[in-house]
Amino acid sequence: MLPLAFALKLPAESALILLATVYLGCEYGGRISSILLNVPGDAAAIMTTLDGYPMAKQGKGGVALSISAVSSFIGSTIAIVGIILFAPLLAQWSLAFGPAEYFALMVFAIACLGSMMSQNPIKSLLAALIGLSLATVGVDANSGEYRFTFDSVHLSDGVQFIVVVIGLFSVSEILLMLEGTATGQGLIRKTGRMLFNRKEAKACAGPALRSSFIGFFVGVLPGAGATIASAITYMTEKKISGEKGDFGNGDVRGVAAPEAANNASACGSFIPMLTLGVPGSGTTAVMMGALTLYNITPGPGMFTEQPDIVWGVNCGFVNC
């Protein structure tokens, strides 16, 4: 919301470029704390912590960050090409998704989360369902009914993501550090090389490319978002690797796949906004609100009536 205050003083195309590039920058910025501190910067970064933080503890934090940066670049590049070539066609395709298809997609995403812990899938599935139940707290967007607020005004907006992240990740990590210090183990700080080598690049090439395409098509679906894309691609690569993979213990593919997917999904979410006037994510909904302040209605007419805005956003993506 902070960039929105500066964007209001700019022309329409400059304002949207600013918001779009800040959005993509935040997609990568949230991964730094995920990898180094085991604290996700946003919901889509949760999958990155599964292998990024173990790599950091092994002295490969720089390697994980470099893989994250390159994978994000690959995902964004593929998505930008997709926007330029197929935006109107993909927008019509996304309209074919009805309630049944979205329900199936959400069930598939939860099933992917449930199978992350192959040794104890029931525990993982229960954790996913608990998270889903926390998401139901607040005012229903369709009916306006208050759900599980217990007459508290503070819960009317729901449980904030940052509160959940601090409770689940930050507090637990602090307790683990205190436990290690109390037992005399202390904190072992390891540092190693900062860039990935040729072997790691070869291992990440396939997952990054596959995840970019998957993330892009998931991002085109209104409301699906980068969180679902990163979860689906992580589990896809885990299944493809089979017994050869070491996912959850610092596998480079576990960083490359979700990073490529979430950046591709972030770019893809602009397609329904620009072509249909339907927000592809919560962030693009804010951008739609910013456009309305300039008396611009997102939709099919933008490609003919305001082409400078549409292609200006694409140029902003390329420069970003």
Protein backbone atom coordinates (compact mmCIF):
# COMPACT_ATOMS: atom_id res chain seq x y z
CA MET A 1 0.00 0.00 0.00
CA LEU A 2 2.96 2.39 0.57
CA PRO A 3 3.87 2.66 -3.16
CA LEU A 4 0.23 3.56 -3.86
CA ALA A 5 0.73 6.87 -2.04
CA PHE A 6 3.54 7.79 -4.45
CA ALA A 7 1.75 6.37 -7.48
CA LEU A 8 -1.18 8.77 -7.13
CA LYS A 9 1.10 11.67 -8.08
CA LEU A 10 2.24 10.00 -11.31
CA PRO A 11 0.60 9.55 -14.72
CA ALA A 12 -1.50 6.42 -15.09
CA GLU A 13 1.04 4.37 -17.03
CA SER A 14 3.88 5.36 -14.70
CA ALA A 15 1.77 4.54 -11.64
CA LEU A 16 0.92 1.06 -12.87
CA ILE A 17 4.53 0.39 -13.87
CA LEU A 18 5.65 1.44 -10.38
CA LEU A 19 3.13 -0.83 -8.65
CA ALA A 20 3.88 -3.77 -10.96
CA THR A 21 7.65 -3.59 -10.55
CA VAL A 22 7.38 -3.17 -6.78
CA TYR A 23 5.15 -6.24 -6.75
CA LEU A 24 7.75 -8.32 -8.61
CA GLY A 25 10.53 -6.95 -6.42
CA CYS A 26 8.65 -8.02 -3.30
CA GLU A 27 8.19 -11.49 -4.77
CA TYR A 28 11.96 -11.96 -4.60
CA GLY A 29 12.60 -9.86 -1.49
CA GLY A 30 10.45 -12.14 0.66
CA ARG A 31 12.73 -15.05 -0.18
CA ILE A 32 15.75 -13.58 1.58
CA SER A 33 14.24 -13.98 5.05
CA SER A 34 12.77 -17.34 4.02
CA ILE A 35 16.18 -18.74 3.15
CA LEU A 36 18.34 -17.09 5.80
CA LEU A 37 15.95 -16.91 8.77
CA ASN A 38 13.27 -19.52 8.01
CA VAL A 39 10.68 -16.72 8.15
CA PRO A 40 8.62 -16.43 4.92
CA GLY A 41 8.20 -12.91 3.60
CA ASP A 42 4.81 -13.84 2.13
CA ALA A 43 2.59 -16.86 1.70
CA ALA A 44 4.20 -17.98 -1.56
CA ALA A 45 7.63 -18.06 0.11
CA ILE A 46 6.64 -20.84 2.51
CA MET A 47 7.65 -23.53 0.02
CA THR A 48 11.08 -21.92 -0.38
CA THR A 49 11.84 -22.35 3.32
CA LEU A 50 11.58 -26.14 3.05
CA ASP A 51 14.89 -26.42 1.20
CA GLY A 52 16.27 -22.88 1.30
CA TYR A 53 16.78 -22.76 5.06
CA PRO A 54 18.43 -26.21 5.25
CA MET A 55 20.83 -25.00 2.55
CA ALA A 56 21.59 -21.90 4.62
CA LYS A 57 22.38 -24.07 7.65
CA GLN A 58 24.78 -26.06 5.48
CA GLY A 59 26.66 -22.91 4.52
CA LYS A 60 24.95 -22.61 1.13
CA GLY A 61 22.80 -19.58 1.84
CA GLY A 62 24.46 -17.64 -0.97
CA VAL A 63 23.90 -20.53 -3.36
CA ALA A 64 20.21 -20.68 -2.43
CA LEU A 65 19.81 -16.92 -2.93
CA SER A 66 21.53 -17.02 -6.32
CA ILE A 67 19.38 -19.96 -7.44
CA SER A 68 16.32 -18.09 -6.23
CA ALA A 69 17.29 -14.97 -8.19
CA VAL A 70 18.01 -16.78 -11.46
CA SER A 71 14.90 -18.98 -11.18
CA SER A 72 12.76 -15.91 -10.52
CA PHE A 73 14.26 -14.26 -13.59
CA ILE A 74 13.49 -17.33 -15.73
CA GLY A 75 9.91 -17.48 -14.46
CA SER A 76 9.33 -13.77 -15.07
CA THR A 77 10.85 -13.89 -18.56
CA ILE A 78 8.69 -16.81 -19.69
CA ALA A 79 5.59 -15.17 -18.22
CA ILE A 80 6.33 -11.85 -19.94
CA VAL A 81 6.63 -13.59 -23.31
CA GLY A 82 3.34 -15.36 -22.57
CA ILE A 83 1.62 -12.06 -21.75
CA ILE A 84 2.82 -10.45 -24.99
CA LEU A 85 1.83 -13.37 -27.22
CA PHE A 86 -1.21 -14.97 -25.63
CA ALA A 87 -2.89 -12.49 -23.26
CA PRO A 88 -6.34 -12.27 -24.95
CA LEU A 89 -6.48 -16.01 -25.69
CA LEU A 90 -5.50 -17.01 -22.16
CA ALA A 91 -8.01 -14.58 -20.69
CA GLN A 92 -10.85 -16.33 -22.52
CA TRP A 93 -9.49 -19.70 -21.43
CA SER A 94 -9.48 -18.61 -17.79
CA LEU A 95 -13.20 -17.78 -18.03
CA ALA A 96 -13.90 -21.47 -18.70
CA PHE A 97 -12.94 -22.19 -15.09
CA GLY A 98 -16.10 -22.34 -13.02
CA PRO A 99 -16.76 -23.15 -9.35
CA ALA A 100 -16.25 -26.89 -9.90
CA GLU A 101 -12.84 -26.37 -11.52
CA TYR A 102 -11.71 -23.98 -8.79
CA PHE A 103 -12.85 -26.42 -6.11
CA ALA A 104 -10.87 -29.20 -7.78
CA LEU A 105 -7.81 -26.93 -7.99
CA MET A 106 -8.00 -26.06 -4.28
CA VAL A 107 -8.46 -29.71 -3.32
CA PHE A 108 -5.44 -30.61 -5.44
CA ALA A 109 -3.35 -27.90 -3.75
CA ILE A 110 -4.33 -29.13 -0.28
CA ALA A 111 -3.58 -32.71 -1.34
CA CYS A 112 -0.13 -31.58 -2.48
CA LEU A 113 0.48 -29.99 0.90
CA GLY A 114 -0.78 -33.12 2.61
CA SER A 115 1.68 -35.32 0.74
CA MET A 116 4.71 -33.16 1.52
CA MET A 117 5.54 -35.31 4.54
CA SER A 118 5.60 -38.73 2.92
CA GLN A 119 6.40 -40.41 6.23
CA ASN A 120 3.41 -38.84 7.98
CA PRO A 121 0.90 -37.48 5.45
CA ILE A 122 -1.96 -37.40 7.97
CA LYS A 123 -0.14 -34.90 10.17
CA SER A 124 0.67 -32.72 7.16
CA LEU A 125 -2.93 -32.86 5.93
CA LEU A 126 -4.26 -31.91 9.37
CA ALA A 127 -1.88 -28.94 9.45
CA ALA A 128 -3.18 -27.82 6.05
CA LEU A 129 -6.78 -28.09 7.26
CA ILE A 130 -5.97 -26.08 10.39
CA GLY A 131 -4.52 -23.35 8.18
CA LEU A 132 -7.62 -23.48 6.02
CA SER A 133 -9.84 -23.09 9.09
CA LEU A 134 -7.85 -20.03 10.21
CA ALA A 135 -8.49 -18.49 6.80
CA THR A 136 -12.25 -18.69 7.38
CA VAL A 137 -12.11 -16.20 10.28
CA GLY A 138 -13.54 -12.80 9.39
CA VAL A 139 -16.30 -11.36 7.24
CA ASP A 140 -17.50 -13.53 4.37
CA ALA A 141 -16.87 -11.73 1.09
CA ASN A 142 -20.10 -12.94 -0.51
CA SER A 143 -22.71 -12.91 2.25
CA GLY A 144 -21.21 -10.37 4.65
CA GLU A 145 -21.68 -12.79 7.57
CA TYR A 146 -19.22 -12.70 10.47
CA ARG A 147 -17.47 -16.06 10.87
CA PHE A 148 -15.71 -17.12 14.09
CA THR A 149 -15.05 -13.54 15.20
CA PHE A 150 -16.51 -14.08 18.72
CA ASP A 151 -17.88 -10.52 18.65
CA SER A 152 -14.36 -9.15 18.40
CA VAL A 153 -13.83 -6.20 16.07
CA HIS A 154 -10.15 -7.11 15.72
CA LEU A 155 -11.04 -10.40 14.03
CA SER A 156 -13.42 -8.90 11.49
CA ASP A 157 -10.59 -8.60 8.94
CA GLY A 158 -9.48 -12.17 9.60
CA VAL A 159 -6.23 -13.54 10.97
CA GLN A 160 -3.39 -11.57 9.44
CA PHE A 161 -0.76 -13.55 7.58
CA ILE A 162 2.17 -11.86 9.30
CA VAL A 163 0.79 -12.87 12.71
CA VAL A 164 0.55 -16.51 11.65
CA VAL A 165 4.06 -16.45 10.18
CA ILE A 166 5.58 -14.98 13.33
CA GLY A 167 3.77 -17.52 15.48
CA LEU A 168 4.60 -20.57 13.37
CA PHE A 169 8.09 -19.80 12.15
CA SER A 170 9.77 -17.00 14.09
CA VAL A 171 8.80 -18.08 17.61
CA SER A 172 9.61 -21.74 16.94
CA GLU A 173 12.99 -20.80 15.47
CA ILE A 174 13.81 -18.66 18.51
CA LEU A 175 12.91 -21.53 20.84
CA LEU A 176 15.12 -23.91 18.86
CA MET A 177 18.01 -21.45 19.10
CA LEU A 178 17.51 -21.08 22.85
CA GLU A 179 17.39 -24.86 23.23
CA GLY A 180 20.65 -25.23 21.32
CA THR A 181 22.33 -22.57 23.45
CA ALA A 182 21.07 -24.11 26.71
CA THR A 183 22.45 -27.54 25.81
CA GLY A 184 25.86 -26.10 25.01
CA GLN A 185 25.59 -26.63 21.28
CA GLY A 186 25.43 -22.94 20.43
CA LEU A 187 24.84 -21.51 16.99
CA ILE A 188 27.02 -22.79 14.20
CA ARG A 189 27.44 -20.14 11.55
CA LYS A 190 28.70 -21.52 8.27
CA THR A 191 29.63 -19.57 5.20
CA GLY A 192 30.58 -20.92 1.83
CA ARG A 193 30.48 -19.98 -1.83
CA MET A 194 27.93 -17.43 -2.94
CA LEU A 195 27.10 -18.71 -6.44
CA PHE A 196 25.83 -22.04 -7.72
CA ASN A 197 28.14 -24.24 -9.79
CA ARG A 198 27.59 -25.92 -13.15
CA LYS A 199 26.23 -29.13 -11.61
CA GLU A 200 23.63 -27.25 -9.57
CA ALA A 201 22.66 -25.13 -12.58
CA LYS A 202 22.10 -28.28 -14.65
CA ALA A 203 19.95 -29.78 -11.88
CA CYS A 204 17.81 -26.63 -11.63
CA ALA A 205 17.32 -25.97 -15.36
CA GLY A 206 14.51 -28.48 -15.91
CA PRO A 207 12.57 -27.72 -12.71
CA ALA A 208 12.80 -23.96 -13.32
CA LEU A 209 11.46 -24.25 -16.88
CA ARG A 210 8.65 -26.65 -15.98
CA SER A 211 7.62 -24.63 -12.95
CA SER A 212 7.62 -21.40 -14.97
CA PHE A 213 5.00 -22.74 -17.37
CA ILE A 214 2.90 -24.27 -14.59
CA GLY A 215 3.08 -21.12 -12.48
CA PHE A 216 2.16 -18.92 -15.43
CA PHE A 217 -1.00 -20.86 -16.25
CA VAL A 218 -2.00 -21.00 -12.58
CA GLY A 219 -1.48 -17.24 -12.34
CA VAL A 220 -3.82 -16.65 -15.27
CA LEU A 221 -6.67 -18.14 -13.23
CA PRO A 222 -8.39 -15.33 -11.29
CA GLY A 223 -7.75 -15.67 -7.58
CA ALA A 224 -5.48 -18.73 -7.75
CA GLY A 225 -2.29 -16.87 -6.89
CA ALA A 226 1.39 -17.66 -6.44
CA THR A 227 0.86 -19.67 -3.25
CA ILE A 228 -0.99 -22.46 -5.05
CA ALA A 229 1.47 -22.33 -7.95
CA SER A 230 4.52 -22.76 -5.70
CA ALA A 231 2.90 -25.63 -3.77
CA ILE A 232 1.90 -27.50 -6.94
CA THR A 233 5.29 -27.12 -8.60
CA TYR A 234 7.20 -28.12 -5.47
CA MET A 235 5.25 -31.35 -5.17
CA THR A 236 5.51 -31.95 -8.92
CA GLU A 237 9.30 -31.80 -8.82
CA LYS A 238 9.38 -33.92 -5.71
CA LYS A 239 7.35 -36.63 -7.46
CA ILE A 240 9.49 -36.40 -10.61
CA SER A 241 12.74 -36.77 -8.66
CA GLY A 242 11.48 -39.87 -6.85
CA GLU A 243 14.03 -41.52 -4.60
CA LYS A 244 16.88 -39.54 -6.16
CA GLY A 245 15.69 -36.30 -4.61
CA ASP A 246 16.55 -34.95 -1.18
CA PHE A 247 13.67 -32.51 -0.86
CA GLY A 248 13.30 -30.99 2.58
CA ASN A 249 17.01 -31.34 3.36
CA GLY A 250 18.52 -28.71 1.09
CA ASP A 251 17.78 -29.85 -2.46
CA VAL A 252 18.51 -27.07 -4.95
CA ARG A 253 15.48 -28.10 -7.03
CA GLY A 254 13.29 -27.38 -4.01
CA VAL A 255 14.37 -23.73 -4.25
CA ALA A 256 14.35 -23.36 -8.04
CA ALA A 257 10.87 -24.80 -8.64
CA PRO A 258 8.73 -22.63 -6.31
CA GLU A 259 10.76 -19.51 -7.07
CA ALA A 260 10.25 -19.81 -10.82
CA ALA A 261 6.57 -20.63 -10.29
CA ASN A 262 5.68 -17.74 -8.00
CA ASN A 263 7.29 -15.11 -10.23
CA ALA A 264 5.65 -16.55 -13.34
CA SER A 265 2.34 -16.64 -11.49
CA ALA A 266 2.75 -13.03 -10.35
CA CYS A 267 3.19 -11.90 -13.96
CA GLY A 268 0.41 -14.15 -15.19
CA SER A 269 -2.05 -12.64 -12.72
CA PHE A 270 -1.97 -9.41 -14.76
CA ILE A 271 -3.61 -11.10 -17.75
CA PRO A 272 -7.16 -11.36 -16.32
CA MET A 273 -6.82 -7.85 -14.90
CA LEU A 274 -5.76 -6.21 -18.17
CA THR A 275 -7.96 -8.23 -20.52
CA LEU A 276 -11.10 -8.95 -18.48
CA GLY A 277 -11.06 -6.49 -15.62
CA VAL A 278 -10.94 -9.41 -13.16
CA PRO A 279 -8.14 -9.32 -10.54
CA GLY A 280 -5.85 -12.34 -10.72
CA SER A 281 -4.66 -11.83 -7.13
CA GLY A 282 -5.10 -9.54 -4.14
CA THR A 283 -2.29 -7.29 -5.34
CA THR A 284 -3.76 -6.84 -8.81
CA ALA A 285 -7.06 -5.95 -7.14
CA VAL A 286 -5.28 -3.01 -5.48
CA MET A 287 -3.85 -2.03 -8.87
CA MET A 288 -7.34 -2.10 -10.38
CA GLY A 289 -8.43 0.28 -7.66
CA ALA A 290 -5.54 2.58 -8.55
CA LEU A 291 -6.59 2.57 -12.21
CA THR A 292 -10.14 3.55 -11.32
CA LEU A 293 -8.74 6.68 -9.68
CA TYR A 294 -7.56 7.67 -13.17
CA ASN A 295 -11.00 6.89 -14.65
CA ILE A 296 -9.56 3.86 -16.44
CA THR A 297 -11.64 0.69 -16.49
CA PRO A 298 -9.52 -2.46 -16.90
CA GLY A 299 -10.86 -4.79 -19.56
CA PRO A 300 -10.66 -5.69 -23.25
CA GLY A 301 -10.86 -2.04 -24.26
CA MET A 302 -7.48 -1.28 -22.69
CA PHE A 303 -5.62 -2.91 -25.59
CA THR A 304 -7.21 -0.48 -28.07
CA GLU A 305 -8.02 2.58 -25.95
CA GLN A 306 -4.99 2.65 -23.61
CA PRO A 307 -2.28 0.59 -25.33
CA ASP A 308 0.42 2.75 -23.74
CA ILE A 309 -0.58 1.44 -20.30
CA VAL A 310 -0.71 -2.22 -21.34
CA TRP A 311 2.60 -2.26 -23.14
CA GLY A 312 4.15 0.08 -20.61
CA VAL A 313 3.52 -2.56 -17.94
CA ASN A 314 5.15 -5.18 -20.16
CA CYS A 315 8.19 -2.95 -20.65
CA GLY A 316 8.32 -2.42 -16.90
CA PHE A 317 8.37 -6.18 -16.39
CA VAL A 318 11.25 -6.52 -18.85
CA ASN A 319 13.29 -3.83 -17.11
CA CYS A 320 12.50 -5.36 -13.72
